[in-house]
Amino acid sequence: MRKIKEAMRNTNRCWKEDNREVLGVNEFEDKWNCADKLRVHFDEQVKKYGYMCPITHIDFTTIRRQEEIKTNEKIITNISADRLFDHINYTKQNVLFTSLGWNLARLNFSLEDIEKLFPGEYIKRYKKIVLERFPNSKGYE
């Protein structure tokens, strides 16, 4: 969780440097270098969906990089904090823990693009979660 929190902090810093406008504040940031808020949010999600990506149903891993693995390789089953909407900061409503593979594949595509790339069950599960968290979202019904 500390690595995820560190990645969130780095993303927020990059947004500031790029003068990018993002709605809300990072709700997982605090004065201490701990990840308690993030862990609580993750545990709540695990109670609801199990210890797996709620979109792909891939079991989560927390594999640390081994020396044998090249630095540019990613472990797609590792836990990743995905923002459902890229224009909204890391908030409890907007953060969904997914597999790194889903997060990287989805990138910041529009809903229309996601539907083309991931037809079937993935898009159904994705839309359902977005509507649970953002009931007034247009196009997700």
C-alpha atoms as a PDB file:
ATOM      1  CA  MET A   1       0.000   0.000   0.000  1.00  0.00           C
ATOM      2  CA  ARG A   2       2.895   2.356   0.631  1.00  0.00           C
ATOM      3  CA  LYS A   3       4.077   1.949  -2.966  1.00  0.00           C
ATOM      4  CA  ILE A   4       0.575   2.728  -4.227  1.00  0.00           C
ATOM      5  CA  LYS A   5       0.394   5.786  -1.991  1.00  0.00           C
ATOM      6  CA  GLU A   6       3.807   6.905  -3.250  1.00  0.00           C
ATOM      7  CA  ALA A   7       2.617   6.520  -6.855  1.00  0.00           C
ATOM      8  CA  MET A   8      -0.471   8.633  -6.039  1.00  0.00           C
ATOM      9  CA  ARG A   9       1.714  11.330  -4.530  1.00  0.00           C
ATOM     10  CA  ASN A  10       3.984  11.329  -7.602  1.00  0.00           C
ATOM     11  CA  THR A  11       0.986  11.578  -9.931  1.00  0.00           C
ATOM     12  CA  ASN A  12      -0.374  14.530  -7.951  1.00  0.00           C
ATOM     13  CA  ARG A  13       3.032  16.229  -8.157  1.00  0.00           C
ATOM     14  CA  CYS A  14       3.163  15.718 -11.942  1.00  0.00           C
ATOM     15  CA  TRP A  15      -0.331  17.179 -12.305  1.00  0.00           C
ATOM     16  CA  LYS A  16       0.764  20.298 -10.431  1.00  0.00           C
ATOM     17  CA  GLU A  17       3.893  20.634 -12.559  1.00  0.00           C
ATOM     18  CA  ASP A  18       1.780  20.304 -15.727  1.00  0.00           C
ATOM     19  CA  ASN A  19      -0.827  22.775 -14.389  1.00  0.00           C
ATOM     20  CA  ARG A  20      -3.442  20.069 -14.937  1.00  0.00           C
ATOM     21  CA  GLU A  21      -6.833  20.777 -13.449  1.00  0.00           C
ATOM     22  CA  VAL A  22      -8.137  17.838 -11.454  1.00  0.00           C
ATOM     23  CA  LEU A  23     -11.318  17.844  -9.396  1.00  0.00           C
ATOM     24  CA  GLY A  24     -11.101  17.156  -5.669  1.00  0.00           C
ATOM     25  CA  VAL A  25      -8.199  16.401  -3.393  1.00  0.00           C
ATOM     26  CA  ASN A  26      -6.295  13.211  -2.716  1.00  0.00           C
ATOM     27  CA  GLU A  27      -8.314  11.774   0.173  1.00  0.00           C
ATOM     28  CA  PHE A  28      -5.612   9.229   0.961  1.00  0.00           C
ATOM     29  CA  GLU A  29      -2.936  11.805   1.714  1.00  0.00           C
ATOM     30  CA  ASP A  30      -2.076  12.552   5.323  1.00  0.00           C
ATOM     31  CA  LYS A  31       0.767  14.003   7.341  1.00  0.00           C
ATOM     32  CA  TRP A  32       2.266  10.655   8.162  1.00  0.00           C
ATOM     33  CA  ASN A  33       4.012   8.349   5.765  1.00  0.00           C
ATOM     34  CA  CYS A  34       1.510   5.561   6.374  1.00  0.00           C
ATOM     35  CA  ALA A  35      -1.097   3.985   4.162  1.00  0.00           C
ATOM     36  CA  ASP A  36      -3.842   3.387   6.721  1.00  0.00           C
ATOM     37  CA  LYS A  37      -6.559   5.234   4.786  1.00  0.00           C
ATOM     38  CA  LEU A  38      -5.640   3.375   1.630  1.00  0.00           C
ATOM     39  CA  ARG A  39      -5.617   0.009   3.446  1.00  0.00           C
ATOM     40  CA  VAL A  40      -9.091   0.637   4.910  1.00  0.00           C
ATOM     41  CA  HIS A  41     -10.459   1.502   1.460  1.00  0.00           C
ATOM     42  CA  PHE A  42      -8.840  -1.615  -0.014  1.00  0.00           C
ATOM     43  CA  ASP A  43     -10.204  -3.853   2.772  1.00  0.00           C
ATOM     44  CA  GLU A  44     -13.728  -2.511   2.160  1.00  0.00           C
ATOM     45  CA  GLN A  45     -13.422  -3.383  -1.511  1.00  0.00           C
ATOM     46  CA  VAL A  46     -12.115  -6.892  -0.717  1.00  0.00           C
ATOM     47  CA  LYS A  47     -15.178  -7.505   1.484  1.00  0.00           C
ATOM     48  CA  LYS A  48     -17.401  -6.645  -1.474  1.00  0.00           C
ATOM     49  CA  TYR A  49     -15.568  -8.250  -4.423  1.00  0.00           C
ATOM     50  CA  GLY A  50     -13.010 -10.609  -2.911  1.00  0.00           C
ATOM     51  CA  TYR A  51      -9.230 -10.483  -3.295  1.00  0.00           C
ATOM     52  CA  MET A  52      -9.370 -10.003  -7.043  1.00  0.00           C
ATOM     53  CA  CYS A  53      -9.775  -7.371  -9.707  1.00  0.00           C
ATOM     54  CA  PRO A  54     -13.495  -6.584  -9.831  1.00  0.00           C
ATOM     55  CA  ILE A  55     -13.295  -6.041 -13.601  1.00  0.00           C
ATOM     56  CA  THR A  56     -11.124  -8.919 -14.879  1.00  0.00           C
ATOM     57  CA  HIS A  57     -11.602 -11.306 -11.928  1.00  0.00           C
ATOM     58  CA  ILE A  58      -7.835 -11.897 -11.902  1.00  0.00           C
ATOM     59  CA  ASP A  59      -6.571 -12.721  -8.404  1.00  0.00           C
ATOM     60  CA  PHE A  60      -4.500  -9.890  -6.965  1.00  0.00           C
ATOM     61  CA  THR A  61      -0.793 -10.278  -6.354  1.00  0.00           C
ATOM     62  CA  THR A  62       1.722  -8.092  -4.549  1.00  0.00           C
ATOM     63  CA  ILE A  63       4.892  -9.387  -6.163  1.00  0.00           C
ATOM     64  CA  ARG A  64       7.928  -7.240  -5.617  1.00  0.00           C
ATOM     65  CA  ARG A  65      10.268  -6.793  -8.530  1.00  0.00           C
ATOM     66  CA  GLN A  66      12.959  -9.440  -8.674  1.00  0.00           C
ATOM     67  CA  GLU A  67      16.418  -8.727 -10.034  1.00  0.00           C
ATOM     68  CA  GLU A  68      15.755 -11.207 -12.860  1.00  0.00           C
ATOM     69  CA  ILE A  69      12.782  -9.172 -14.101  1.00  0.00           C
ATOM     70  CA  LYS A  70      13.701  -6.351 -16.443  1.00  0.00           C
ATOM     71  CA  THR A  71      12.864  -2.919 -15.093  1.00  0.00           C
ATOM     72  CA  ASN A  72      10.399  -2.136 -17.889  1.00  0.00           C
ATOM     73  CA  GLU A  73       8.326  -5.280 -17.322  1.00  0.00           C
ATOM     74  CA  LYS A  74       5.131  -4.949 -15.331  1.00  0.00           C
ATOM     75  CA  ILE A  75       3.423  -7.585 -13.210  1.00  0.00           C
ATOM     76  CA  ILE A  76      -0.109  -7.259 -14.557  1.00  0.00           C
ATOM     77  CA  THR A  77      -1.738  -9.131 -11.668  1.00  0.00           C
ATOM     78  CA  ASN A  78      -0.430  -6.710  -9.024  1.00  0.00           C
ATOM     79  CA  ILE A  79      -2.864  -4.397  -7.236  1.00  0.00           C
ATOM     80  CA  SER A  80      -3.253  -0.950  -8.756  1.00  0.00           C
ATOM     81  CA  ALA A  81      -5.275   2.076  -7.652  1.00  0.00           C
ATOM     82  CA  ASP A  82      -7.331   2.965 -10.725  1.00  0.00           C
ATOM     83  CA  ARG A  83      -9.237   6.226 -10.983  1.00  0.00           C
ATOM     84  CA  LEU A  84     -12.594   5.587 -12.636  1.00  0.00           C
ATOM     85  CA  PHE A  85     -12.598   9.130 -14.020  1.00  0.00           C
ATOM     86  CA  ASP A  86      -9.216  10.603 -14.889  1.00  0.00           C
ATOM     87  CA  HIS A  87     -10.314  14.199 -14.293  1.00  0.00           C
ATOM     88  CA  ILE A  88     -11.111  13.404 -10.622  1.00  0.00           C
ATOM     89  CA  ASN A  89      -8.407  13.031  -7.986  1.00  0.00           C
ATOM     90  CA  TYR A  90      -7.774   9.999  -5.775  1.00  0.00           C
ATOM     91  CA  THR A  91     -10.990   9.957  -3.747  1.00  0.00           C
ATOM     92  CA  LYS A  92     -12.829   7.078  -2.071  1.00  0.00           C
ATOM     93  CA  GLN A  93     -15.588   7.422  -4.634  1.00  0.00           C
ATOM     94  CA  ASN A  94     -13.220   7.484  -7.624  1.00  0.00           C
ATOM     95  CA  VAL A  95     -10.552   4.905  -6.668  1.00  0.00           C
ATOM     96  CA  LEU A  96     -11.114   1.275  -7.540  1.00  0.00           C
ATOM     97  CA  PHE A  97      -8.380  -1.250  -6.879  1.00  0.00           C
ATOM     98  CA  THR A  98      -7.864  -3.245 -10.062  1.00  0.00           C
ATOM     99  CA  SER A  99      -5.166  -5.377 -11.572  1.00  0.00           C
ATOM    100  CA  LEU A 100      -2.298  -3.365 -12.995  1.00  0.00           C
ATOM    101  CA  GLY A 101      -3.059  -4.993 -16.334  1.00  0.00           C
ATOM    102  CA  TRP A 102      -6.587  -3.543 -16.414  1.00  0.00           C
ATOM    103  CA  ASN A 103      -5.373  -0.131 -15.285  1.00  0.00           C
ATOM    104  CA  LEU A 104      -2.668   0.011 -17.962  1.00  0.00           C
ATOM    105  CA  ALA A 105      -4.925  -1.349 -20.717  1.00  0.00           C
ATOM    106  CA  ARG A 106      -7.762   1.047 -19.905  1.00  0.00           C
ATOM    107  CA  LEU A 107      -5.488   4.071 -19.684  1.00  0.00           C
ATOM    108  CA  ASN A 108      -7.597   7.201 -20.117  1.00  0.00           C
ATOM    109  CA  PHE A 109      -9.793   5.891 -22.920  1.00  0.00           C
ATOM    110  CA  SER A 110     -13.324   7.177 -23.329  1.00  0.00           C
ATOM    111  CA  LEU A 111     -16.227   4.878 -22.493  1.00  0.00           C
ATOM    112  CA  GLU A 112     -16.813   4.406 -26.221  1.00  0.00           C
ATOM    113  CA  ASP A 113     -13.226   3.240 -26.709  1.00  0.00           C
ATOM    114  CA  ILE A 114     -13.366   0.954 -23.671  1.00  0.00           C
ATOM    115  CA  GLU A 115     -16.516  -0.690 -25.045  1.00  0.00           C
ATOM    116  CA  LYS A 116     -14.713  -1.396 -28.335  1.00  0.00           C
ATOM    117  CA  LEU A 117     -11.599  -2.745 -26.665  1.00  0.00           C
ATOM    118  CA  PHE A 118     -13.272  -4.748 -23.888  1.00  0.00           C
ATOM    119  CA  PRO A 119     -16.663  -6.022 -24.997  1.00  0.00           C
ATOM    120  CA  GLY A 120     -18.673  -8.451 -22.906  1.00  0.00           C
ATOM    121  CA  GLU A 121     -18.302  -9.067 -19.189  1.00  0.00           C
ATOM    122  CA  TYR A 122     -15.430  -6.620 -18.562  1.00  0.00           C
ATOM    123  CA  ILE A 123     -17.381  -3.607 -19.778  1.00  0.00           C
ATOM    124  CA  LYS A 124     -20.556  -4.758 -17.992  1.00  0.00           C
ATOM    125  CA  ARG A 125     -18.710  -5.017 -14.674  1.00  0.00           C
ATOM    126  CA  TYR A 126     -16.936  -1.706 -15.267  1.00  0.00           C
ATOM    127  CA  LYS A 127     -20.159   0.160 -16.069  1.00  0.00           C
ATOM    128  CA  LYS A 128     -21.938  -1.362 -13.057  1.00  0.00           C
ATOM    129  CA  ILE A 129     -19.218  -0.177 -10.680  1.00  0.00           C
ATOM    130  CA  VAL A 130     -19.139   3.313 -12.216  1.00  0.00           C
ATOM    131  CA  LEU A 131     -22.925   3.604 -11.814  1.00  0.00           C
ATOM    132  CA  GLU A 132     -22.753   2.396  -8.198  1.00  0.00           C
ATOM    133  CA  ARG A 133     -20.263   5.129  -7.374  1.00  0.00           C
ATOM    134  CA  PHE A 134     -21.469   7.818  -9.775  1.00  0.00           C
ATOM    135  CA  PRO A 135     -25.220   7.189 -10.280  1.00  0.00           C
ATOM    136  CA  ASN A 136     -25.736  10.198 -12.569  1.00  0.00           C
ATOM    137  CA  SER A 137     -23.054   9.191 -15.083  1.00  0.00           C
ATOM    138  CA  LYS A 138     -24.304   9.632 -18.640  1.00  0.00           C
ATOM    139  CA  GLY A 139     -23.706   6.719 -21.025  1.00  0.00           C
ATOM    140  CA  TYR A 140     -23.072   4.119 -18.327  1.00  0.00           C
ATOM    141  CA  GLU A 141     -26.652   2.972 -17.925  1.00  0.00           C
END
